[in-house]
Structures are given as C-alpha cells and as structure tokens.
N, C-alpha and C. Protein backbone atom coordinates (compact mmCIF):
# COMPACT_ATOMS: atom_id res chain seq x y z
N MET A 1 76.80 -175.15 68.82
CA MET A 1 77.19 -174.39 68.89
C MET A 1 76.25 -173.08 69.40
N PRO A 2 77.43 -171.99 70.03
CA PRO A 2 77.05 -171.00 71.05
C PRO A 2 76.16 -170.36 70.16
N SER A 3 74.87 -169.80 71.19
CA SER A 3 73.65 -169.18 70.66
C SER A 3 74.47 -167.99 70.99
N LYS A 4 73.06 -166.88 70.73
CA LYS A 4 73.64 -165.07 70.78
C LYS A 4 72.78 -164.84 71.63
N PRO A 5 73.54 -164.10 72.79
CA PRO A 5 72.48 -163.31 74.16
C PRO A 5 71.98 -162.85 73.33
N ALA A 6 70.12 -163.34 74.14
CA ALA A 6 69.17 -162.43 73.81
C ALA A 6 69.49 -161.16 74.13
N GLY A 7 68.94 -160.27 72.92
CA GLY A 7 68.68 -158.94 73.02
C GLY A 7 69.73 -157.97 72.21
N THR A 8 70.93 -158.39 71.98
CA THR A 8 72.12 -157.84 71.36
C THR A 8 72.01 -157.59 69.66
N LEU A 9 70.81 -157.95 68.93
CA LEU A 9 71.06 -158.26 67.71
C LEU A 9 69.93 -156.97 67.21
N TYR A 10 71.09 -155.89 66.44
CA TYR A 10 70.04 -154.56 66.35
C TYR A 10 69.43 -155.04 64.91
N ARG A 11 67.82 -154.21 65.20
CA ARG A 11 66.83 -154.76 64.40
C ARG A 11 66.35 -154.14 63.12
N GLY A 12 67.49 -153.17 62.90
CA GLY A 12 67.21 -152.69 61.64
C GLY A 12 66.20 -150.98 61.39
N ARG A 13 65.88 -150.65 62.60
CA ARG A 13 64.50 -149.67 62.90
C ARG A 13 65.10 -148.47 62.54
N GLU A 14 64.30 -147.40 62.99
CA GLU A 14 64.35 -145.82 62.34
C GLU A 14 65.83 -145.70 62.58
N GLY A 15 66.24 -145.87 64.10
CA GLY A 15 67.31 -145.29 64.68
C GLY A 15 68.82 -146.19 63.92
N MET A 16 68.74 -146.82 63.17
CA MET A 16 69.74 -147.60 62.21
C MET A 16 69.88 -146.44 60.91
N TRP A 17 68.63 -146.71 59.94
CA TRP A 17 68.44 -146.00 59.11
C TRP A 17 69.00 -144.46 58.80
N SER A 18 68.38 -143.62 60.24
CA SER A 18 68.43 -142.21 60.78
C SER A 18 70.13 -142.18 60.74
N TRP A 19 70.56 -142.94 61.06
CA TRP A 19 71.64 -143.55 61.57
C TRP A 19 72.88 -143.03 60.17
N VAL A 20 72.70 -144.20 59.60
CA VAL A 20 72.92 -144.17 58.19
C VAL A 20 73.03 -142.94 57.13
N ALA A 21 71.67 -142.29 57.15
CA ALA A 21 71.78 -140.79 56.42
C ALA A 21 71.90 -140.65 56.21
N HIS A 22 72.39 -139.94 57.80
CA HIS A 22 73.02 -138.92 58.68
C HIS A 22 74.35 -138.81 58.47
N ARG A 23 75.61 -140.13 58.29
CA ARG A 23 76.20 -140.38 57.84
C ARG A 23 76.74 -140.31 56.29
N ILE A 24 75.47 -140.38 55.57
CA ILE A 24 75.98 -140.36 54.33
C ILE A 24 75.61 -138.52 53.64
N THR A 25 74.48 -138.24 54.33
CA THR A 25 74.69 -136.53 54.13
C THR A 25 75.52 -136.10 54.52
N GLY A 26 76.16 -135.98 55.62
CA GLY A 26 77.41 -135.45 56.23
C GLY A 26 78.38 -135.61 55.23
N VAL A 27 78.52 -136.26 54.84
CA VAL A 27 79.75 -136.75 54.06
C VAL A 27 79.65 -136.05 52.57
N GLY A 28 78.23 -136.09 51.99
CA GLY A 28 77.89 -135.12 50.93
C GLY A 28 77.95 -133.62 51.11
N ILE A 29 77.84 -133.37 52.35
CA ILE A 29 77.80 -131.97 52.56
C ILE A 29 79.17 -131.81 52.87
N PHE A 30 79.98 -132.28 53.48
CA PHE A 30 81.54 -132.32 53.74
C PHE A 30 82.16 -131.83 52.11
N PHE A 31 82.02 -132.87 51.35
CA PHE A 31 82.60 -132.49 49.77
C PHE A 31 82.27 -131.40 49.05
N PHE A 32 81.16 -131.24 49.57
CA PHE A 32 80.26 -129.51 48.72
C PHE A 32 81.02 -128.55 49.65
N LEU A 33 81.52 -128.62 50.83
CA LEU A 33 82.13 -127.68 51.48
C LEU A 33 83.33 -127.51 51.05
N LEU A 34 83.95 -128.57 50.44
CA LEU A 34 85.53 -128.69 49.99
C LEU A 34 85.58 -127.97 49.06
N VAL A 35 84.44 -128.67 47.70
CA VAL A 35 84.77 -127.54 46.28
C VAL A 35 84.14 -126.54 46.35
N HIS A 36 83.62 -126.09 47.41
CA HIS A 36 82.91 -124.36 47.61
C HIS A 36 84.01 -123.67 47.86
N VAL A 37 85.09 -124.11 49.14
CA VAL A 37 85.83 -123.60 49.83
C VAL A 37 87.05 -123.61 48.34
N LEU A 38 87.15 -124.29 47.93
CA LEU A 38 88.68 -124.77 46.56
C LEU A 38 87.86 -123.37 45.49
N ASP A 39 86.70 -123.73 44.88
CA ASP A 39 86.65 -122.67 43.58
C ASP A 39 86.23 -121.30 44.28
N THR A 40 86.17 -120.96 45.33
CA THR A 40 85.71 -119.32 45.76
C THR A 40 87.23 -118.94 46.14
N ALA A 41 88.25 -119.90 46.84
CA ALA A 41 89.87 -119.81 46.74
C ALA A 41 90.02 -119.22 45.27
N LEU A 42 89.51 -119.64 44.20
CA LEU A 42 90.27 -119.68 43.05
C LEU A 42 90.08 -117.97 42.76
N VAL A 43 88.91 -117.16 42.95
CA VAL A 43 89.32 -115.96 43.11
C VAL A 43 90.09 -115.06 43.32
N ARG A 44 90.86 -115.41 44.36
CA ARG A 44 92.15 -114.85 45.00
C ARG A 44 93.39 -115.41 43.82
N VAL A 45 93.26 -116.37 43.25
CA VAL A 45 94.33 -116.97 41.99
C VAL A 45 94.39 -115.47 40.95
N SER A 46 92.49 -116.41 40.30
CA SER A 46 92.49 -115.46 38.99
C SER A 46 91.10 -115.50 39.15
N PRO A 47 91.03 -114.28 39.32
CA PRO A 47 89.47 -114.18 39.01
C PRO A 47 88.43 -114.25 37.55
N GLU A 48 89.45 -114.07 36.48
CA GLU A 48 88.75 -114.74 35.48
C GLU A 48 88.68 -116.09 35.28
N ALA A 49 89.28 -117.24 35.76
CA ALA A 49 89.40 -118.38 36.20
C ALA A 49 88.11 -118.67 37.29
N TYR A 50 87.91 -118.04 37.93
CA TYR A 50 87.19 -118.20 38.96
C TYR A 50 85.60 -117.98 38.04
N ASN A 51 85.61 -116.73 37.59
CA ASN A 51 84.46 -116.71 36.53
C ASN A 51 83.88 -117.66 35.33
N GLU A 52 84.90 -117.85 34.83
CA GLU A 52 85.06 -119.70 33.89
C GLU A 52 83.88 -120.74 35.06
N VAL A 53 84.94 -120.93 36.01
CA VAL A 53 84.28 -121.95 36.65
C VAL A 53 82.90 -122.01 37.20
N ILE A 54 82.75 -120.48 37.79
CA ILE A 54 81.52 -120.25 37.79
C ILE A 54 80.41 -121.03 37.01
N GLY A 55 80.96 -119.81 35.92
CA GLY A 55 79.90 -120.57 34.47
C GLY A 55 80.02 -121.61 34.08
N THR A 56 80.52 -122.43 34.51
CA THR A 56 80.26 -123.99 34.05
C THR A 56 79.51 -124.63 35.21
N TYR A 57 79.25 -123.74 35.93
CA TYR A 57 78.15 -124.67 37.19
C TYR A 57 76.74 -123.90 36.69
N LYS A 58 76.40 -123.37 35.86
CA LYS A 58 75.12 -122.82 35.24
C LYS A 58 74.66 -123.77 34.14
N ASN A 59 74.09 -124.94 34.70
CA ASN A 59 73.33 -126.07 33.75
C ASN A 59 72.50 -126.93 34.84
N PRO A 60 72.02 -127.37 34.07
CA PRO A 60 70.49 -128.10 34.54
C PRO A 60 71.16 -129.58 35.61
N ILE A 61 72.23 -129.54 34.81
CA ILE A 61 72.68 -131.36 35.92
C ILE A 61 73.02 -130.70 36.96
N VAL A 62 73.64 -129.43 37.23
CA VAL A 62 74.47 -128.52 38.69
C VAL A 62 72.82 -128.37 39.11
N GLY A 63 72.18 -128.01 38.46
CA GLY A 63 70.77 -127.79 39.22
C GLY A 63 69.93 -128.79 39.81
N LEU A 64 70.14 -130.20 39.02
CA LEU A 64 69.74 -130.69 40.47
C LEU A 64 70.73 -130.97 41.04
N LEU A 65 71.71 -131.18 40.88
CA LEU A 65 72.77 -131.74 42.20
C LEU A 65 72.39 -130.78 43.42
N GLU A 66 72.29 -129.51 42.89
CA GLU A 66 71.87 -128.48 44.29
C GLU A 66 70.19 -129.30 44.79
N VAL A 67 69.74 -129.46 43.94
CA VAL A 67 68.42 -130.13 44.97
C VAL A 67 68.58 -131.40 45.73
N GLY A 68 69.69 -132.33 45.31
CA GLY A 68 70.06 -133.45 46.08
C GLY A 68 71.18 -132.21 47.49
N LEU A 69 72.01 -131.09 47.37
CA LEU A 69 72.08 -130.65 48.67
C LEU A 69 72.06 -130.02 49.25
N VAL A 70 70.73 -129.73 48.94
CA VAL A 70 69.37 -129.09 49.87
C VAL A 70 69.08 -130.38 50.38
N ALA A 71 68.48 -131.35 50.07
CA ALA A 71 67.55 -132.63 50.66
C ALA A 71 68.91 -132.73 51.81
N ALA A 72 70.40 -133.04 51.63
CA ALA A 72 71.24 -133.69 52.13
C ALA A 72 70.93 -132.25 53.73
N ILE A 73 71.20 -131.19 53.24
CA ILE A 73 70.90 -130.39 54.49
C ILE A 73 70.00 -130.26 54.97
N LEU A 74 69.34 -130.08 54.31
CA LEU A 74 67.23 -130.14 55.28
C LEU A 74 67.20 -131.39 56.26
N PHE A 75 67.99 -132.52 55.85
CA PHE A 75 67.80 -133.78 56.53
C PHE A 75 68.93 -133.93 57.81
N HIS A 76 70.12 -133.75 57.41
CA HIS A 76 71.37 -133.56 58.28
C HIS A 76 71.20 -132.68 59.39
N ALA A 77 70.33 -131.39 59.34
CA ALA A 77 70.01 -130.51 60.06
C ALA A 77 68.93 -131.06 61.05
N PHE A 78 67.90 -131.29 60.37
CA PHE A 78 66.71 -132.00 61.52
C PHE A 78 67.03 -133.11 61.83
N ASN A 79 67.75 -134.08 61.63
CA ASN A 79 67.85 -135.06 62.52
C ASN A 79 69.25 -134.94 63.10
N GLY A 80 69.82 -133.80 63.01
CA GLY A 80 70.81 -133.44 64.10
C GLY A 80 69.74 -133.11 64.80
N VAL A 81 69.00 -132.25 65.28
CA VAL A 81 68.15 -132.17 66.16
C VAL A 81 67.79 -133.09 66.88
N ARG A 82 66.94 -133.92 66.03
CA ARG A 82 66.62 -135.25 66.59
C ARG A 82 67.64 -136.14 67.70
N LEU A 83 68.87 -135.62 67.16
CA LEU A 83 69.93 -136.94 67.75
C LEU A 83 70.25 -136.35 69.41
N ILE A 84 69.90 -134.76 69.15
CA ILE A 84 70.28 -133.66 70.37
C ILE A 84 69.24 -134.60 71.18
N LEU A 85 67.54 -134.17 70.64
CA LEU A 85 66.55 -134.63 71.94
C LEU A 85 66.81 -136.02 72.06
N VAL A 86 67.34 -137.01 71.23
CA VAL A 86 67.36 -138.54 71.63
C VAL A 86 68.63 -138.26 72.98
N ASP A 87 69.61 -137.90 72.95
CA ASP A 87 70.45 -138.47 73.59
C ASP A 87 70.45 -137.45 74.72
N PHE A 88 69.90 -135.76 74.82
CA PHE A 88 70.14 -134.95 75.81
C PHE A 88 68.45 -135.08 76.83
N TRP A 89 67.35 -135.27 75.92
CA TRP A 89 66.14 -135.48 76.41
C TRP A 89 66.01 -136.94 77.25
N ALA A 90 65.47 -136.72 78.44
CA ALA A 90 65.11 -138.43 79.20
C ALA A 90 64.01 -139.11 78.79
N LYS A 91 63.14 -138.56 77.91
CA LYS A 91 62.02 -139.62 77.45
C LYS A 91 62.46 -139.62 75.30
N GLY A 92 63.43 -138.68 75.27
CA GLY A 92 63.92 -138.94 74.12
C GLY A 92 63.74 -140.35 73.20
N PRO A 93 64.62 -141.06 73.70
CA PRO A 93 65.02 -142.65 73.42
C PRO A 93 63.18 -143.83 73.39
N ARG A 94 62.45 -143.28 73.85
CA ARG A 94 61.13 -143.78 74.02
C ARG A 94 60.38 -142.76 72.61
N TYR A 95 60.36 -141.87 72.54
CA TYR A 95 59.62 -141.09 71.28
C TYR A 95 60.64 -141.16 70.29
N GLN A 96 61.25 -142.31 69.80
CA GLN A 96 62.36 -142.02 68.63
C GLN A 96 61.85 -142.05 67.21
N ARG A 97 60.71 -142.77 67.40
CA ARG A 97 59.98 -143.16 66.09
C ARG A 97 59.31 -142.22 65.53
N GLN A 98 58.55 -141.44 66.52
CA GLN A 98 57.61 -139.89 66.28
C GLN A 98 58.73 -139.08 66.31
N LEU A 99 59.70 -138.56 66.57
CA LEU A 99 61.17 -137.77 66.05
C LEU A 99 61.06 -137.94 64.62
N MET A 100 61.43 -139.47 64.23
CA MET A 100 61.85 -139.41 62.91
C MET A 100 60.64 -139.05 61.89
N ILE A 101 59.17 -139.73 62.40
CA ILE A 101 58.14 -139.10 61.58
C ILE A 101 58.19 -137.61 61.51
N GLY A 102 58.70 -136.73 62.73
CA GLY A 102 58.59 -135.70 62.36
C GLY A 102 60.10 -135.06 61.33
N VAL A 103 60.86 -135.46 61.82
CA VAL A 103 62.01 -135.41 61.06
C VAL A 103 61.43 -135.57 59.44
N GLY A 104 60.53 -136.20 59.03
CA GLY A 104 60.31 -136.61 57.47
C GLY A 104 59.48 -135.81 57.35
N VAL A 105 58.38 -135.45 58.25
CA VAL A 105 57.47 -134.07 58.05
C VAL A 105 57.79 -132.93 57.63
N LEU A 106 59.01 -132.69 58.44
CA LEU A 106 59.54 -131.37 58.37
C LEU A 106 60.26 -131.00 57.04
N TRP A 107 60.57 -132.31 56.54
CA TRP A 107 61.69 -132.53 55.81
C TRP A 107 61.03 -132.10 54.28
N VAL A 108 59.61 -133.07 53.95
CA VAL A 108 58.97 -132.53 52.94
C VAL A 108 57.80 -131.59 52.87
N VAL A 109 57.40 -130.89 53.81
CA VAL A 109 57.43 -129.58 53.69
C VAL A 109 58.00 -128.25 53.46
N LEU A 110 59.22 -128.34 54.09
CA LEU A 110 60.13 -127.21 52.96
C LEU A 110 60.69 -127.80 51.89
N PHE A 111 61.34 -129.10 51.65
CA PHE A 111 62.08 -129.49 50.55
C PHE A 111 61.08 -129.37 49.41
N VAL A 112 59.39 -130.15 49.38
CA VAL A 112 59.25 -129.69 48.33
C VAL A 112 58.60 -128.59 47.67
N PRO A 113 58.31 -127.28 48.48
CA PRO A 113 58.19 -126.25 47.92
C PRO A 113 59.79 -125.93 47.12
N PHE A 114 60.45 -126.23 47.91
CA PHE A 114 62.06 -125.42 46.86
C PHE A 114 62.25 -125.89 46.02
N VAL A 115 62.23 -127.54 45.48
CA VAL A 115 61.99 -128.07 44.84
C VAL A 115 61.12 -127.82 43.58
N ILE A 116 59.91 -127.34 43.99
CA ILE A 116 58.85 -126.77 42.89
C ILE A 116 59.63 -125.15 42.13
N ARG A 117 60.28 -124.45 43.33
CA ARG A 117 60.39 -123.23 42.72
C ARG A 117 62.02 -123.01 42.21
N HIS A 118 62.81 -124.19 42.64
CA HIS A 118 64.17 -124.51 42.28
C HIS A 118 64.37 -124.63 41.16
N LEU A 119 63.53 -126.11 40.71
CA LEU A 119 63.58 -126.29 39.21
C LEU A 119 62.77 -125.59 37.85
N SER A 120 62.12 -125.20 38.18
CA SER A 120 61.28 -123.84 37.78
C SER A 120 62.36 -122.66 37.10
N HIS A 121 63.42 -122.86 38.23
CA HIS A 121 64.38 -121.36 37.47
C HIS A 121 65.40 -122.53 36.52
N VAL A 122 65.37 -124.05 37.04
CA VAL A 122 66.45 -124.28 35.91
C VAL A 122 66.13 -124.42 35.00
N PHE A 123 64.64 -125.25 34.81
CA PHE A 123 64.54 -125.31 33.35
C PHE A 123 63.14 -124.58 33.01
N GLY A 124 62.99 -123.48 33.97
CA GLY A 124 62.18 -122.74 33.09
C GLY A 124 62.86 -121.22 32.50
N GLY A 125 64.00 -120.88 32.66
CA GLY A 125 64.76 -119.62 32.54
C GLY A 125 64.72 -118.99 33.77
C-alpha cells in the first residue's frame, strides 16, 4: 500500500478553521445583504408593504439574528485583515497563530459590549 508523502496532510490548525469560518460568515452576510436589498427595494413598489415587512422585523428573534449578523461581520472583517497580512506580509505566515489570537481578542472586545447594549434594547424596551 503506497504511503502518503510526508508534509502533505493539513492538520486542521487555526488557518483551516479561520478559512472555514470566513466562508461561513461570508455566505451568511451575503444572504443578509440579499434579503436587505429585496426588502429595501419593496419601498419603491409599495411603501405600505415595506412598512409591514419592516414591522415584522421588530421582535426578539430578529434581535437575536442581528447579534449573529454583527458577530459574523466583525469576524469576517478582522479575519479579512488577517488574511491580507498573511498573504502580503513576508512574516505573515510565521505569525498566523498570533494574528488569529488578535482577531479573537478584537472580536470579543467589540462584540461583548455590543451584545450587552443591543440585547438590553431588544428585551428591555
């Protein structure tokens, strides 16, 4: 049975997981933008229908979905900057783990205050 050449197996480290998360968040953001463009275009067709659709968004479930949207946008943006550094900075690949930790720290520092404020509005009035 032939053996695999040494060094060709990707071991699933932070580079792979950030790649997967970047794709998932990108697809999620794309679908949000698609729905956003469609419901905003509705204002040209019928302002009453637009107001009705926007009214259906004012509930706690959509408030929680907005939290997910902001989480995805923040991660996608910071990870995109990390990818630029890894691709175009000569030392980027060497510091990939530290850059990923930086993405996580920035994400938490910005996301946690948003969640607290946003959910207080969603559930507190």
